[in-house]
Amino acid sequence: MRLTRPAFITWLKSKKPRARVGKETKCPIDMFTGGRTGSARYTSRDSKGHPVSHALPKWAQQFVFDVDHRPGYWGSITAQRALSLLENPNQPTKVTF
């Protein structure tokens, strides 16, 4: 699955607010795409199930950074918290790529 911000937000909003959409070894983007995410790339699966590597969009790089470095990180994140990180225009942590 291709990663787009609108599709990712729609997916998060389809979850219950307290639903765990990420855990220590699988970030929310992994859960959404069915692949794996790094700091600059993510892997999804094509229609035949083969892995396909994609560049991680800047907004997603910032999201991954913010999830990994948020205060009180205990290895999981709820849909509500993930949405707040995405939708907050004044994110406290900015990273340059």
Protein backbone atom coordinates (compact mmCIF):
# COMPACT_ATOMS: atom_id res chain seq x y z
CA MET A 1 0.00 0.00 0.00
CA ARG A 2 1.30 3.46 -0.93
CA LEU A 3 1.66 5.85 1.98
CA THR A 4 -0.19 9.15 1.68
CA ARG A 5 -0.96 11.53 4.53
CA PRO A 6 -4.73 11.71 3.81
CA ALA A 7 -5.06 7.92 3.61
CA PHE A 8 -3.02 7.46 6.79
CA ILE A 9 -5.15 10.00 8.68
CA THR A 10 -8.34 8.31 7.45
CA TRP A 11 -6.99 4.95 8.65
CA LEU A 12 -6.15 6.38 12.08
CA LYS A 13 -9.60 7.99 12.35
CA SER A 14 -11.21 4.63 11.56
CA LYS A 15 -9.70 3.24 14.79
CA LYS A 16 -11.09 3.71 18.28
CA PRO A 17 -9.22 6.57 20.01
CA ARG A 18 -7.53 4.26 22.53
CA ALA A 19 -6.75 1.51 20.00
CA ARG A 20 -3.04 0.68 19.90
CA VAL A 21 -1.88 1.44 16.38
CA GLY A 22 1.82 1.01 17.03
CA LYS A 23 4.07 -0.88 19.38
CA GLU A 24 7.76 -1.04 20.20
CA THR A 25 8.74 -3.06 17.12
CA LYS A 26 6.03 -1.90 14.69
CA CYS A 27 5.27 1.77 14.14
CA PRO A 28 1.82 2.98 13.03
CA ILE A 29 3.07 3.40 9.46
CA ASP A 30 4.12 -0.28 9.48
CA MET A 31 0.65 -1.24 10.67
CA PHE A 32 -0.94 0.88 7.92
CA THR A 33 1.26 -0.28 5.02
CA GLY A 34 1.78 -3.87 6.18
CA GLY A 35 5.52 -3.32 5.76
CA ARG A 36 8.50 -1.96 7.65
CA THR A 37 9.55 1.65 8.25
CA GLY A 38 13.00 3.16 8.67
CA SER A 39 13.97 6.78 9.14
CA ALA A 40 13.95 7.56 5.40
CA ARG A 41 12.29 4.60 3.63
CA TYR A 42 9.41 2.18 4.11
CA THR A 43 8.63 -1.18 2.62
CA SER A 44 5.20 -2.29 1.49
CA ARG A 45 3.98 -5.29 -0.49
CA ASP A 46 2.87 -5.32 -4.11
CA SER A 47 -0.19 -7.22 -5.36
CA LYS A 48 1.86 -10.44 -5.53
CA GLY A 49 3.17 -10.03 -1.97
CA HIS A 50 6.68 -8.98 -2.98
CA PRO A 51 8.40 -6.24 -0.93
CA VAL A 52 8.67 -2.81 -2.55
CA SER A 53 10.83 -0.02 -1.10
CA HIS A 54 9.63 3.61 -1.16
CA ALA A 55 11.09 6.92 -0.01
CA LEU A 56 9.40 8.05 3.20
CA PRO A 57 7.69 11.44 2.65
CA LYS A 58 8.99 14.34 4.78
CA TRP A 59 5.77 14.47 6.85
CA ALA A 60 6.16 10.75 7.59
CA GLN A 61 9.84 11.15 8.52
CA GLN A 62 8.79 13.83 11.02
CA PHE A 63 5.98 11.60 12.32
CA VAL A 64 8.35 8.63 12.86
CA PHE A 65 10.80 10.92 14.67
CA ASP A 66 8.06 12.38 16.86
CA VAL A 67 6.66 8.95 17.75
CA ASP A 68 10.10 7.61 18.64
CA HIS A 69 11.06 10.68 20.70
CA ARG A 70 7.81 11.66 22.38
CA PRO A 71 7.75 12.13 26.15
CA GLY A 72 6.45 9.14 28.05
CA TYR A 73 7.18 6.68 25.24
CA TRP A 74 6.36 3.22 26.57
CA GLY A 75 6.59 1.23 23.39
CA SER A 76 3.05 1.71 22.08
CA ILE A 77 0.90 4.53 20.74
CA THR A 78 -2.85 5.02 20.48
CA ALA A 79 -4.72 6.22 17.40
CA GLN A 80 -5.67 9.40 19.28
CA ARG A 81 -2.05 10.22 20.14
CA ALA A 82 -0.85 9.42 16.62
CA LEU A 83 -3.49 11.74 15.18
CA SER A 84 -2.50 14.52 17.56
CA LEU A 85 1.13 14.22 16.44
CA LEU A 86 0.07 14.42 12.78
CA GLU A 87 -2.47 17.20 13.12
CA ASN A 88 -0.59 19.48 15.52
CA PRO A 89 0.98 22.21 13.39
CA ASN A 90 3.21 23.35 16.26
CA GLN A 91 5.07 20.14 16.92
CA PRO A 92 7.60 20.68 19.71
CA THR A 93 10.28 18.64 17.97
CA LYS A 94 11.41 19.47 14.48
CA VAL A 95 14.08 17.50 12.73
CA THR A 96 15.95 18.45 9.57
CA PHE A 97 16.42 15.78 6.91
